[in-house]
C-alpha cells in the first residue's frame, strides 16, 4: 500500500486522488 505515494493519498477525498499516476 505504498504506491502511489501515501502523502498523495492520505487525507484527500477519492475525487482528488482519482487518476493519480506519480509524484514529483
PDBML (XML) file of the C-alpha atoms, coordinates in Angstrom:
<?xml version="1.0" encoding="UTF-8" ?>
<PDBx:datablock datablockName="MODEL"
   xmlns:PDBx="http://pdbml.pdb.org/schema/pdbx-v50.xsd"
   xmlns:xsi="http://www.w3.org/2001/XMLSchema-instance"
   xsi:schemaLocation="http://pdbml.pdb.org/schema/pdbx-v50.xsd pdbx-v50.xsd">
   <PDBx:atom_siteCategory>
      <PDBx:atom_site id="1">
         <PDBx:B_iso_or_equiv>0.00</PDBx:B_iso_or_equiv>
         <PDBx:Cartn_x>0.000</PDBx:Cartn_x>
         <PDBx:Cartn_y>0.000</PDBx:Cartn_y>
         <PDBx:Cartn_z>0.000</PDBx:Cartn_z>
         <PDBx:auth_asym_id>A</PDBx:auth_asym_id>
         <PDBx:auth_atom_id>CA</PDBx:auth_atom_id>
         <PDBx:auth_comp_id>UNK</PDBx:auth_comp_id>
         <PDBx:auth_seq_id>1</PDBx:auth_seq_id>
         <PDBx:group_PDB>ATOM</PDBx:group_PDB>
         <PDBx:label_alt_id xsi:nil="true" />
         <PDBx:label_asym_id>A</PDBx:label_asym_id>
         <PDBx:label_atom_id>CA</PDBx:label_atom_id>
         <PDBx:label_comp_id>UNK</PDBx:label_comp_id>
         <PDBx:label_entity_id>1</PDBx:label_entity_id>
         <PDBx:label_seq_id>1</PDBx:label_seq_id>
         <PDBx:occupancy>1.00</PDBx:occupancy>
         <PDBx:pdbx_PDB_model_num>1</PDBx:pdbx_PDB_model_num>
         <PDBx:type_symbol>C</PDBx:type_symbol>
      </PDBx:atom_site>
      <PDBx:atom_site id="2">
         <PDBx:B_iso_or_equiv>0.00</PDBx:B_iso_or_equiv>
         <PDBx:Cartn_x>2.811</PDBx:Cartn_x>
         <PDBx:Cartn_y>2.441</PDBx:Cartn_y>
         <PDBx:Cartn_z>-0.772</PDBx:Cartn_z>
         <PDBx:auth_asym_id>A</PDBx:auth_asym_id>
         <PDBx:auth_atom_id>CA</PDBx:auth_atom_id>
         <PDBx:auth_comp_id>UNK</PDBx:auth_comp_id>
         <PDBx:auth_seq_id>2</PDBx:auth_seq_id>
         <PDBx:group_PDB>ATOM</PDBx:group_PDB>
         <PDBx:label_alt_id xsi:nil="true" />
         <PDBx:label_asym_id>A</PDBx:label_asym_id>
         <PDBx:label_atom_id>CA</PDBx:label_atom_id>
         <PDBx:label_comp_id>UNK</PDBx:label_comp_id>
         <PDBx:label_entity_id>1</PDBx:label_entity_id>
         <PDBx:label_seq_id>2</PDBx:label_seq_id>
         <PDBx:occupancy>1.00</PDBx:occupancy>
         <PDBx:pdbx_PDB_model_num>1</PDBx:pdbx_PDB_model_num>
         <PDBx:type_symbol>C</PDBx:type_symbol>
      </PDBx:atom_site>
      <PDBx:atom_site id="3">
         <PDBx:B_iso_or_equiv>0.00</PDBx:B_iso_or_equiv>
         <PDBx:Cartn_x>2.106</PDBx:Cartn_x>
         <PDBx:Cartn_y>3.073</PDBx:Cartn_y>
         <PDBx:Cartn_z>-4.476</PDBx:Cartn_z>
         <PDBx:auth_asym_id>A</PDBx:auth_asym_id>
         <PDBx:auth_atom_id>CA</PDBx:auth_atom_id>
         <PDBx:auth_comp_id>UNK</PDBx:auth_comp_id>
         <PDBx:auth_seq_id>3</PDBx:auth_seq_id>
         <PDBx:group_PDB>ATOM</PDBx:group_PDB>
         <PDBx:label_alt_id xsi:nil="true" />
         <PDBx:label_asym_id>A</PDBx:label_asym_id>
         <PDBx:label_atom_id>CA</PDBx:label_atom_id>
         <PDBx:label_comp_id>UNK</PDBx:label_comp_id>
         <PDBx:label_entity_id>1</PDBx:label_entity_id>
         <PDBx:label_seq_id>3</PDBx:label_seq_id>
         <PDBx:occupancy>1.00</PDBx:occupancy>
         <PDBx:pdbx_PDB_model_num>1</PDBx:pdbx_PDB_model_num>
         <PDBx:type_symbol>C</PDBx:type_symbol>
      </PDBx:atom_site>
      <PDBx:atom_site id="4">
         <PDBx:B_iso_or_equiv>0.00</PDBx:B_iso_or_equiv>
         <PDBx:Cartn_x>1.007</PDBx:Cartn_x>
         <PDBx:Cartn_y>5.746</PDBx:Cartn_y>
         <PDBx:Cartn_z>-5.233</PDBx:Cartn_z>
         <PDBx:auth_asym_id>A</PDBx:auth_asym_id>
         <PDBx:auth_atom_id>CA</PDBx:auth_atom_id>
         <PDBx:auth_comp_id>UNK</PDBx:auth_comp_id>
         <PDBx:auth_seq_id>4</PDBx:auth_seq_id>
         <PDBx:group_PDB>ATOM</PDBx:group_PDB>
         <PDBx:label_alt_id xsi:nil="true" />
         <PDBx:label_asym_id>A</PDBx:label_asym_id>
         <PDBx:label_atom_id>CA</PDBx:label_atom_id>
         <PDBx:label_comp_id>UNK</PDBx:label_comp_id>
         <PDBx:label_entity_id>1</PDBx:label_entity_id>
         <PDBx:label_seq_id>4</PDBx:label_seq_id>
         <PDBx:occupancy>1.00</PDBx:occupancy>
         <PDBx:pdbx_PDB_model_num>1</PDBx:pdbx_PDB_model_num>
         <PDBx:type_symbol>C</PDBx:type_symbol>
      </PDBx:atom_site>
      <PDBx:atom_site id="5">
         <PDBx:B_iso_or_equiv>0.00</PDBx:B_iso_or_equiv>
         <PDBx:Cartn_x>2.780</PDBx:Cartn_x>
         <PDBx:Cartn_y>7.717</PDBx:Cartn_y>
         <PDBx:Cartn_z>-2.534</PDBx:Cartn_z>
         <PDBx:auth_asym_id>A</PDBx:auth_asym_id>
         <PDBx:auth_atom_id>CA</PDBx:auth_atom_id>
         <PDBx:auth_comp_id>UNK</PDBx:auth_comp_id>
         <PDBx:auth_seq_id>5</PDBx:auth_seq_id>
         <PDBx:group_PDB>ATOM</PDBx:group_PDB>
         <PDBx:label_alt_id xsi:nil="true" />
         <PDBx:label_asym_id>A</PDBx:label_asym_id>
         <PDBx:label_atom_id>CA</PDBx:label_atom_id>
         <PDBx:label_comp_id>UNK</PDBx:label_comp_id>
         <PDBx:label_entity_id>1</PDBx:label_entity_id>
         <PDBx:label_seq_id>5</PDBx:label_seq_id>
         <PDBx:occupancy>1.00</PDBx:occupancy>
         <PDBx:pdbx_PDB_model_num>1</PDBx:pdbx_PDB_model_num>
         <PDBx:type_symbol>C</PDBx:type_symbol>
      </PDBx:atom_site>
      <PDBx:atom_site id="6">
         <PDBx:B_iso_or_equiv>0.00</PDBx:B_iso_or_equiv>
         <PDBx:Cartn_x>0.875</PDBx:Cartn_x>
         <PDBx:Cartn_y>7.743</PDBx:Cartn_y>
         <PDBx:Cartn_z>0.776</PDBx:Cartn_z>
         <PDBx:auth_asym_id>A</PDBx:auth_asym_id>
         <PDBx:auth_atom_id>CA</PDBx:auth_atom_id>
         <PDBx:auth_comp_id>UNK</PDBx:auth_comp_id>
         <PDBx:auth_seq_id>6</PDBx:auth_seq_id>
         <PDBx:group_PDB>ATOM</PDBx:group_PDB>
         <PDBx:label_alt_id xsi:nil="true" />
         <PDBx:label_asym_id>A</PDBx:label_asym_id>
         <PDBx:label_atom_id>CA</PDBx:label_atom_id>
         <PDBx:label_comp_id>UNK</PDBx:label_comp_id>
         <PDBx:label_entity_id>1</PDBx:label_entity_id>
         <PDBx:label_seq_id>6</PDBx:label_seq_id>
         <PDBx:occupancy>1.00</PDBx:occupancy>
         <PDBx:pdbx_PDB_model_num>1</PDBx:pdbx_PDB_model_num>
         <PDBx:type_symbol>C</PDBx:type_symbol>
      </PDBx:atom_site>
      <PDBx:atom_site id="7">
         <PDBx:B_iso_or_equiv>0.00</PDBx:B_iso_or_equiv>
         <PDBx:Cartn_x>1.402</PDBx:Cartn_x>
         <PDBx:Cartn_y>11.519</PDBx:Cartn_y>
         <PDBx:Cartn_z>1.041</PDBx:Cartn_z>
         <PDBx:auth_asym_id>A</PDBx:auth_asym_id>
         <PDBx:auth_atom_id>CA</PDBx:auth_atom_id>
         <PDBx:auth_comp_id>UNK</PDBx:auth_comp_id>
         <PDBx:auth_seq_id>7</PDBx:auth_seq_id>
         <PDBx:group_PDB>ATOM</PDBx:group_PDB>
         <PDBx:label_alt_id xsi:nil="true" />
         <PDBx:label_asym_id>A</PDBx:label_asym_id>
         <PDBx:label_atom_id>CA</PDBx:label_atom_id>
         <PDBx:label_comp_id>UNK</PDBx:label_comp_id>
         <PDBx:label_entity_id>1</PDBx:label_entity_id>
         <PDBx:label_seq_id>7</PDBx:label_seq_id>
         <PDBx:occupancy>1.00</PDBx:occupancy>
         <PDBx:pdbx_PDB_model_num>1</PDBx:pdbx_PDB_model_num>
         <PDBx:type_symbol>C</PDBx:type_symbol>
      </PDBx:atom_site>
      <PDBx:atom_site id="8">
         <PDBx:B_iso_or_equiv>0.00</PDBx:B_iso_or_equiv>
         <PDBx:Cartn_x>-0.668</PDBx:Cartn_x>
         <PDBx:Cartn_y>11.893</PDBx:Cartn_y>
         <PDBx:Cartn_z>-2.141</PDBx:Cartn_z>
         <PDBx:auth_asym_id>A</PDBx:auth_asym_id>
         <PDBx:auth_atom_id>CA</PDBx:auth_atom_id>
         <PDBx:auth_comp_id>UNK</PDBx:auth_comp_id>
         <PDBx:auth_seq_id>8</PDBx:auth_seq_id>
         <PDBx:group_PDB>ATOM</PDBx:group_PDB>
         <PDBx:label_alt_id xsi:nil="true" />
         <PDBx:label_asym_id>A</PDBx:label_asym_id>
         <PDBx:label_atom_id>CA</PDBx:label_atom_id>
         <PDBx:label_comp_id>UNK</PDBx:label_comp_id>
         <PDBx:label_entity_id>1</PDBx:label_entity_id>
         <PDBx:label_seq_id>8</PDBx:label_seq_id>
         <PDBx:occupancy>1.00</PDBx:occupancy>
         <PDBx:pdbx_PDB_model_num>1</PDBx:pdbx_PDB_model_num>
         <PDBx:type_symbol>C</PDBx:type_symbol>
      </PDBx:atom_site>
      <PDBx:atom_site id="9">
         <PDBx:B_iso_or_equiv>0.00</PDBx:B_iso_or_equiv>
         <PDBx:Cartn_x>-3.489</PDBx:Cartn_x>
         <PDBx:Cartn_y>9.677</PDBx:Cartn_y>
         <PDBx:Cartn_z>-0.858</PDBx:Cartn_z>
         <PDBx:auth_asym_id>A</PDBx:auth_asym_id>
         <PDBx:auth_atom_id>CA</PDBx:auth_atom_id>
         <PDBx:auth_comp_id>UNK</PDBx:auth_comp_id>
         <PDBx:auth_seq_id>9</PDBx:auth_seq_id>
         <PDBx:group_PDB>ATOM</PDBx:group_PDB>
         <PDBx:label_alt_id xsi:nil="true" />
         <PDBx:label_asym_id>A</PDBx:label_asym_id>
         <PDBx:label_atom_id>CA</PDBx:label_atom_id>
         <PDBx:label_comp_id>UNK</PDBx:label_comp_id>
         <PDBx:label_entity_id>1</PDBx:label_entity_id>
         <PDBx:label_seq_id>9</PDBx:label_seq_id>
         <PDBx:occupancy>1.00</PDBx:occupancy>
         <PDBx:pdbx_PDB_model_num>1</PDBx:pdbx_PDB_model_num>
         <PDBx:type_symbol>C</PDBx:type_symbol>
      </PDBx:atom_site>
      <PDBx:atom_site id="10">
         <PDBx:B_iso_or_equiv>0.00</PDBx:B_iso_or_equiv>
         <PDBx:Cartn_x>-3.793</PDBx:Cartn_x>
         <PDBx:Cartn_y>10.180</PDBx:Cartn_y>
         <PDBx:Cartn_z>2.883</PDBx:Cartn_z>
         <PDBx:auth_asym_id>A</PDBx:auth_asym_id>
         <PDBx:auth_atom_id>CA</PDBx:auth_atom_id>
         <PDBx:auth_comp_id>UNK</PDBx:auth_comp_id>
         <PDBx:auth_seq_id>10</PDBx:auth_seq_id>
         <PDBx:group_PDB>ATOM</PDBx:group_PDB>
         <PDBx:label_alt_id xsi:nil="true" />
         <PDBx:label_asym_id>A</PDBx:label_asym_id>
         <PDBx:label_atom_id>CA</PDBx:label_atom_id>
         <PDBx:label_comp_id>UNK</PDBx:label_comp_id>
         <PDBx:label_entity_id>1</PDBx:label_entity_id>
         <PDBx:label_seq_id>10</PDBx:label_seq_id>
         <PDBx:occupancy>1.00</PDBx:occupancy>
         <PDBx:pdbx_PDB_model_num>1</PDBx:pdbx_PDB_model_num>
         <PDBx:type_symbol>C</PDBx:type_symbol>
      </PDBx:atom_site>
      <PDBx:atom_site id="11">
         <PDBx:B_iso_or_equiv>0.00</PDBx:B_iso_or_equiv>
         <PDBx:Cartn_x>-6.208</PDBx:Cartn_x>
         <PDBx:Cartn_y>12.901</PDBx:Cartn_y>
         <PDBx:Cartn_z>3.894</PDBx:Cartn_z>
         <PDBx:auth_asym_id>A</PDBx:auth_asym_id>
         <PDBx:auth_atom_id>CA</PDBx:auth_atom_id>
         <PDBx:auth_comp_id>UNK</PDBx:auth_comp_id>
         <PDBx:auth_seq_id>11</PDBx:auth_seq_id>
         <PDBx:group_PDB>ATOM</PDBx:group_PDB>
         <PDBx:label_alt_id xsi:nil="true" />
         <PDBx:label_asym_id>A</PDBx:label_asym_id>
         <PDBx:label_atom_id>CA</PDBx:label_atom_id>
         <PDBx:label_comp_id>UNK</PDBx:label_comp_id>
         <PDBx:label_entity_id>1</PDBx:label_entity_id>
         <PDBx:label_seq_id>11</PDBx:label_seq_id>
         <PDBx:occupancy>1.00</PDBx:occupancy>
         <PDBx:pdbx_PDB_model_num>1</PDBx:pdbx_PDB_model_num>
         <PDBx:type_symbol>C</PDBx:type_symbol>
      </PDBx:atom_site>
      <PDBx:atom_site id="12">
         <PDBx:B_iso_or_equiv>0.00</PDBx:B_iso_or_equiv>
         <PDBx:Cartn_x>-7.595</PDBx:Cartn_x>
         <PDBx:Cartn_y>13.530</PDBx:Cartn_y>
         <PDBx:Cartn_z>0.395</PDBx:Cartn_z>
         <PDBx:auth_asym_id>A</PDBx:auth_asym_id>
         <PDBx:auth_atom_id>CA</PDBx:auth_atom_id>
         <PDBx:auth_comp_id>UNK</PDBx:auth_comp_id>
         <PDBx:auth_seq_id>12</PDBx:auth_seq_id>
         <PDBx:group_PDB>ATOM</PDBx:group_PDB>
         <PDBx:label_alt_id xsi:nil="true" />
         <PDBx:label_asym_id>A</PDBx:label_asym_id>
         <PDBx:label_atom_id>CA</PDBx:label_atom_id>
         <PDBx:label_comp_id>UNK</PDBx:label_comp_id>
         <PDBx:label_entity_id>1</PDBx:label_entity_id>
         <PDBx:label_seq_id>12</PDBx:label_seq_id>
         <PDBx:occupancy>1.00</PDBx:occupancy>
         <PDBx:pdbx_PDB_model_num>1</PDBx:pdbx_PDB_model_num>
         <PDBx:type_symbol>C</PDBx:type_symbol>
      </PDBx:atom_site>
      <PDBx:atom_site id="13">
         <PDBx:B_iso_or_equiv>0.00</PDBx:B_iso_or_equiv>
         <PDBx:Cartn_x>-11.062</PDBx:Cartn_x>
         <PDBx:Cartn_y>12.699</PDBx:Cartn_y>
         <PDBx:Cartn_z>-0.840</PDBx:Cartn_z>
         <PDBx:auth_asym_id>A</PDBx:auth_asym_id>
         <PDBx:auth_atom_id>CA</PDBx:auth_atom_id>
         <PDBx:auth_comp_id>UNK</PDBx:auth_comp_id>
         <PDBx:auth_seq_id>13</PDBx:auth_seq_id>
         <PDBx:group_PDB>ATOM</PDBx:group_PDB>
         <PDBx:label_alt_id xsi:nil="true" />
         <PDBx:label_asym_id>A</PDBx:label_asym_id>
         <PDBx:label_atom_id>CA</PDBx:label_atom_id>
         <PDBx:label_comp_id>UNK</PDBx:label_comp_id>
         <PDBx:label_entity_id>1</PDBx:label_entity_id>
         <PDBx:label_seq_id>13</PDBx:label_seq_id>
         <PDBx:occupancy>1.00</PDBx:occupancy>
         <PDBx:pdbx_PDB_model_num>1</PDBx:pdbx_PDB_model_num>
         <PDBx:type_symbol>C</PDBx:type_symbol>
      </PDBx:atom_site>
      <PDBx:atom_site id="14">
         <PDBx:B_iso_or_equiv>0.00</PDBx:B_iso_or_equiv>
         <PDBx:Cartn_x>-11.433</PDBx:Cartn_x>
         <PDBx:Cartn_y>9.982</PDBx:Cartn_y>
         <PDBx:Cartn_z>-3.526</PDBx:Cartn_z>
         <PDBx:auth_asym_id>A</PDBx:auth_asym_id>
         <PDBx:auth_atom_id>CA</PDBx:auth_atom_id>
         <PDBx:auth_comp_id>UNK</PDBx:auth_comp_id>
         <PDBx:auth_seq_id>14</PDBx:auth_seq_id>
         <PDBx:group_PDB>ATOM</PDBx:group_PDB>
         <PDBx:label_alt_id xsi:nil="true" />
         <PDBx:label_asym_id>A</PDBx:label_asym_id>
         <PDBx:label_atom_id>CA</PDBx:label_atom_id>
         <PDBx:label_comp_id>UNK</PDBx:label_comp_id>
         <PDBx:label_entity_id>1</PDBx:label_entity_id>
         <PDBx:label_seq_id>14</PDBx:label_seq_id>
         <PDBx:occupancy>1.00</PDBx:occupancy>
         <PDBx:pdbx_PDB_model_num>1</PDBx:pdbx_PDB_model_num>
         <PDBx:type_symbol>C</PDBx:type_symbol>
      </PDBx:atom_site>
      <PDBx:atom_site id="15">
         <PDBx:B_iso_or_equiv>0.00</PDBx:B_iso_or_equiv>
         <PDBx:Cartn_x>-12.282</PDBx:Cartn_x>
         <PDBx:Cartn_y>12.546</PDBx:Cartn_y>
         <PDBx:Cartn_z>-6.231</PDBx:Cartn_z>
         <PDBx:auth_asym_id>A</PDBx:auth_asym_id>
         <PDBx:auth_atom_id>CA</PDBx:auth_atom_id>
         <PDBx:auth_comp_id>UNK</PDBx:auth_comp_id>
         <PDBx:auth_seq_id>15</PDBx:auth_seq_id>
         <PDBx:group_PDB>ATOM</PDBx:group_PDB>
         <PDBx:label_alt_id xsi:nil="true" />
         <PDBx:label_asym_id>A</PDBx:label_asym_id>
         <PDBx:label_atom_id>CA</PDBx:label_atom_id>
         <PDBx:label_comp_id>UNK</PDBx:label_comp_id>
         <PDBx:label_entity_id>1</PDBx:label_entity_id>
         <PDBx:label_seq_id>15</PDBx:label_seq_id>
         <PDBx:occupancy>1.00</PDBx:occupancy>
         <PDBx:pdbx_PDB_model_num>1</PDBx:pdbx_PDB_model_num>
         <PDBx:type_symbol>C</PDBx:type_symbol>
      </PDBx:atom_site>
      <PDBx:atom_site id="16">
         <PDBx:B_iso_or_equiv>0.00</PDBx:B_iso_or_equiv>
         <PDBx:Cartn_x>-8.954</PDBx:Cartn_x>
         <PDBx:Cartn_y>14.305</PDBx:Cartn_y>
         <PDBx:Cartn_z>-5.660</PDBx:Cartn_z>
         <PDBx:auth_asym_id>A</PDBx:auth_asym_id>
         <PDBx:auth_atom_id>CA</PDBx:auth_atom_id>
         <PDBx:auth_comp_id>UNK</PDBx:auth_comp_id>
         <PDBx:auth_seq_id>16</PDBx:auth_seq_id>
         <PDBx:group_PDB>ATOM</PDBx:group_PDB>
         <PDBx:label_alt_id xsi:nil="true" />
         <PDBx:label_asym_id>A</PDBx:label_asym_id>
         <PDBx:label_atom_id>CA</PDBx:label_atom_id>
         <PDBx:label_comp_id>UNK</PDBx:label_comp_id>
         <PDBx:label_entity_id>1</PDBx:label_entity_id>
         <PDBx:label_seq_id>16</PDBx:label_seq_id>
         <PDBx:occupancy>1.00</PDBx:occupancy>
         <PDBx:pdbx_PDB_model_num>1</PDBx:pdbx_PDB_model_num>
         <PDBx:type_symbol>C</PDBx:type_symbol>
      </PDBx:atom_site>
      <PDBx:atom_site id="17">
         <PDBx:B_iso_or_equiv>0.00</PDBx:B_iso_or_equiv>
         <PDBx:Cartn_x>-6.801</PDBx:Cartn_x>
         <PDBx:Cartn_y>11.191</PDBx:Cartn_y>
         <PDBx:Cartn_z>-5.879</PDBx:Cartn_z>
         <PDBx:auth_asym_id>A</PDBx:auth_asym_id>
         <PDBx:auth_atom_id>CA</PDBx:auth_atom_id>
         <PDBx:auth_comp_id>UNK</PDBx:auth_comp_id>
         <PDBx:auth_seq_id>17</PDBx:auth_seq_id>
         <PDBx:group_PDB>ATOM</PDBx:group_PDB>
         <PDBx:label_alt_id xsi:nil="true" />
         <PDBx:label_asym_id>A</PDBx:label_asym_id>
         <PDBx:label_atom_id>CA</PDBx:label_atom_id>
         <PDBx:label_comp_id>UNK</PDBx:label_comp_id>
         <PDBx:label_entity_id>1</PDBx:label_entity_id>
         <PDBx:label_seq_id>17</PDBx:label_seq_id>
         <PDBx:occupancy>1.00</PDBx:occupancy>
         <PDBx:pdbx_PDB_model_num>1</PDBx:pdbx_PDB_model_num>
         <PDBx:type_symbol>C</PDBx:type_symbol>
      </PDBx:atom_site>
      <PDBx:atom_site id="18">
         <PDBx:B_iso_or_equiv>0.00</PDBx:B_iso_or_equiv>
         <PDBx:Cartn_x>-8.661</PDBx:Cartn_x>
         <PDBx:Cartn_y>9.680</PDBx:Cartn_y>
         <PDBx:Cartn_z>-8.831</PDBx:Cartn_z>
         <PDBx:auth_asym_id>A</PDBx:auth_asym_id>
         <PDBx:auth_atom_id>CA</PDBx:auth_atom_id>
         <PDBx:auth_comp_id>UNK</PDBx:auth_comp_id>
         <PDBx:auth_seq_id>18</PDBx:auth_seq_id>
         <PDBx:group_PDB>ATOM</PDBx:group_PDB>
         <PDBx:label_alt_id xsi:nil="true" />
         <PDBx:label_asym_id>A</PDBx:label_asym_id>
         <PDBx:label_atom_id>CA</PDBx:label_atom_id>
         <PDBx:label_comp_id>UNK</PDBx:label_comp_id>
         <PDBx:label_entity_id>1</PDBx:label_entity_id>
         <PDBx:label_seq_id>18</PDBx:label_seq_id>
         <PDBx:occupancy>1.00</PDBx:occupancy>
         <PDBx:pdbx_PDB_model_num>1</PDBx:pdbx_PDB_model_num>
         <PDBx:type_symbol>C</PDBx:type_symbol>
      </PDBx:atom_site>
      <PDBx:atom_site id="19">
         <PDBx:B_iso_or_equiv>0.00</PDBx:B_iso_or_equiv>
         <PDBx:Cartn_x>-6.319</PDBx:Cartn_x>
         <PDBx:Cartn_y>9.123</PDBx:Cartn_y>
         <PDBx:Cartn_z>-11.740</PDBx:Cartn_z>
         <PDBx:auth_asym_id>A</PDBx:auth_asym_id>
         <PDBx:auth_atom_id>CA</PDBx:auth_atom_id>
         <PDBx:auth_comp_id>UNK</PDBx:auth_comp_id>
         <PDBx:auth_seq_id>19</PDBx:auth_seq_id>
         <PDBx:group_PDB>ATOM</PDBx:group_PDB>
         <PDBx:label_alt_id xsi:nil="true" />
         <PDBx:label_asym_id>A</PDBx:label_asym_id>
         <PDBx:label_atom_id>CA</PDBx:label_atom_id>
         <PDBx:label_comp_id>UNK</PDBx:label_comp_id>
         <PDBx:label_entity_id>1</PDBx:label_entity_id>
         <PDBx:label_seq_id>19</PDBx:label_seq_id>
         <PDBx:occupancy>1.00</PDBx:occupancy>
         <PDBx:pdbx_PDB_model_num>1</PDBx:pdbx_PDB_model_num>
         <PDBx:type_symbol>C</PDBx:type_symbol>
      </PDBx:atom_site>
      <PDBx:atom_site id="20">
         <PDBx:B_iso_or_equiv>0.00</PDBx:B_iso_or_equiv>
         <PDBx:Cartn_x>-3.171</PDBx:Cartn_x>
         <PDBx:Cartn_y>9.601</PDBx:Cartn_y>
         <PDBx:Cartn_z>-9.650</PDBx:Cartn_z>
         <PDBx:auth_asym_id>A</PDBx:auth_asym_id>
         <PDBx:auth_atom_id>CA</PDBx:auth_atom_id>
         <PDBx:auth_comp_id>UNK</PDBx:auth_comp_id>
         <PDBx:auth_seq_id>20</PDBx:auth_seq_id>
         <PDBx:group_PDB>ATOM</PDBx:group_PDB>
         <PDBx:label_alt_id xsi:nil="true" />
         <PDBx:label_asym_id>A</PDBx:label_asym_id>
         <PDBx:label_atom_id>CA</PDBx:label_atom_id>
         <PDBx:label_comp_id>UNK</PDBx:label_comp_id>
         <PDBx:label_entity_id>1</PDBx:label_entity_id>
         <PDBx:label_seq_id>20</PDBx:label_seq_id>
         <PDBx:occupancy>1.00</PDBx:occupancy>
         <PDBx:pdbx_PDB_model_num>1</PDBx:pdbx_PDB_model_num>
         <PDBx:type_symbol>C</PDBx:type_symbol>
      </PDBx:atom_site>
      <PDBx:atom_site id="21">
         <PDBx:B_iso_or_equiv>0.00</PDBx:B_iso_or_equiv>
         <PDBx:Cartn_x>-0.189</PDBx:Cartn_x>
         <PDBx:Cartn_y>8.443</PDBx:Cartn_y>
         <PDBx:Cartn_z>-11.708</PDBx:Cartn_z>
         <PDBx:auth_asym_id>A</PDBx:auth_asym_id>
         <PDBx:auth_atom_id>CA</PDBx:auth_atom_id>
         <PDBx:auth_comp_id>UNK</PDBx:auth_comp_id>
         <PDBx:auth_seq_id>21</PDBx:auth_seq_id>
         <PDBx:group_PDB>ATOM</PDBx:group_PDB>
         <PDBx:label_alt_id xsi:nil="true" />
         <PDBx:label_asym_id>A</PDBx:label_asym_id>
         <PDBx:label_atom_id>CA</PDBx:label_atom_id>
         <PDBx:label_comp_id>UNK</PDBx:label_comp_id>
         <PDBx:label_entity_id>1</PDBx:label_entity_id>
         <PDBx:label_seq_id>21</PDBx:label_seq_id>
         <PDBx:occupancy>1.00</PDBx:occupancy>
         <PDBx:pdbx_PDB_model_num>1</PDBx:pdbx_PDB_model_num>
         <PDBx:type_symbol>C</PDBx:type_symbol>
      </PDBx:atom_site>
      <PDBx:atom_site id="22">
         <PDBx:B_iso_or_equiv>0.00</PDBx:B_iso_or_equiv>
         <PDBx:Cartn_x>3.017</PDBx:Cartn_x>
         <PDBx:Cartn_y>9.539</PDBx:Cartn_y>
         <PDBx:Cartn_z>-9.954</PDBx:Cartn_z>
         <PDBx:auth_asym_id>A</PDBx:auth_asym_id>
         <PDBx:auth_atom_id>CA</PDBx:auth_atom_id>
         <PDBx:auth_comp_id>UNK</PDBx:auth_comp_id>
         <PDBx:auth_seq_id>22</PDBx:auth_seq_id>
         <PDBx:group_PDB>ATOM</PDBx:group_PDB>
         <PDBx:label_alt_id xsi:nil="true" />
         <PDBx:label_asym_id>A</PDBx:label_asym_id>
         <PDBx:label_atom_id>CA</PDBx:label_atom_id>
         <PDBx:label_comp_id>UNK</PDBx:label_comp_id>
         <PDBx:label_entity_id>1</PDBx:label_entity_id>
         <PDBx:label_seq_id>22</PDBx:label_seq_id>
         <PDBx:occupancy>1.00</PDBx:occupancy>
         <PDBx:pdbx_PDB_model_num>1</PDBx:pdbx_PDB_model_num>
         <PDBx:type_symbol>C</PDBx:type_symbol>
      </PDBx:atom_site>
      <PDBx:atom_site id="23">
         <PDBx:B_iso_or_equiv>0.00</PDBx:B_iso_or_equiv>
         <PDBx:Cartn_x>4.637</PDBx:Cartn_x>
         <PDBx:Cartn_y>12.220</PDBx:Cartn_y>
         <PDBx:Cartn_z>-7.799</PDBx:Cartn_z>
         <PDBx:auth_asym_id>A</PDBx:auth_asym_id>
         <PDBx:auth_atom_id>CA</PDBx:auth_atom_id>
         <PDBx:auth_comp_id>UNK</PDBx:auth_comp_id>
         <PDBx:auth_seq_id>23</PDBx:auth_seq_id>
         <PDBx:group_PDB>ATOM</PDBx:group_PDB>
         <PDBx:label_alt_id xsi:nil="true" />
         <PDBx:label_asym_id>A</PDBx:label_asym_id>
         <PDBx:label_atom_id>CA</PDBx:label_atom_id>
         <PDBx:label_comp_id>UNK</PDBx:label_comp_id>
         <PDBx:label_entity_id>1</PDBx:label_entity_id>
         <PDBx:label_seq_id>23</PDBx:label_seq_id>
         <PDBx:occupancy>1.00</PDBx:occupancy>
         <PDBx:pdbx_PDB_model_num>1</PDBx:pdbx_PDB_model_num>
         <PDBx:type_symbol>C</PDBx:type_symbol>
      </PDBx:atom_site>
      <PDBx:atom_site id="24">
         <PDBx:B_iso_or_equiv>0.00</PDBx:B_iso_or_equiv>
         <PDBx:Cartn_x>7.430</PDBx:Cartn_x>
         <PDBx:Cartn_y>14.775</PDBx:Cartn_y>
         <PDBx:Cartn_z>-8.109</PDBx:Cartn_z>
         <PDBx:auth_asym_id>A</PDBx:auth_asym_id>
         <PDBx:auth_atom_id>CA</PDBx:auth_atom_id>
         <PDBx:auth_comp_id>UNK</PDBx:auth_comp_id>
         <PDBx:auth_seq_id>24</PDBx:auth_seq_id>
         <PDBx:group_PDB>ATOM</PDBx:group_PDB>
         <PDBx:label_alt_id xsi:nil="true" />
         <PDBx:label_asym_id>A</PDBx:label_asym_id>
         <PDBx:label_atom_id>CA</PDBx:label_atom_id>
         <PDBx:label_comp_id>UNK</PDBx:label_comp_id>
         <PDBx:label_entity_id>1</PDBx:label_entity_id>
         <PDBx:label_seq_id>24</PDBx:label_seq_id>
         <PDBx:occupancy>1.00</PDBx:occupancy>
         <PDBx:pdbx_PDB_model_num>1</PDBx:pdbx_PDB_model_num>
         <PDBx:type_symbol>C</PDBx:type_symbol>
      </PDBx:atom_site>
   </PDBx:atom_siteCategory>
</PDBx:datablock>
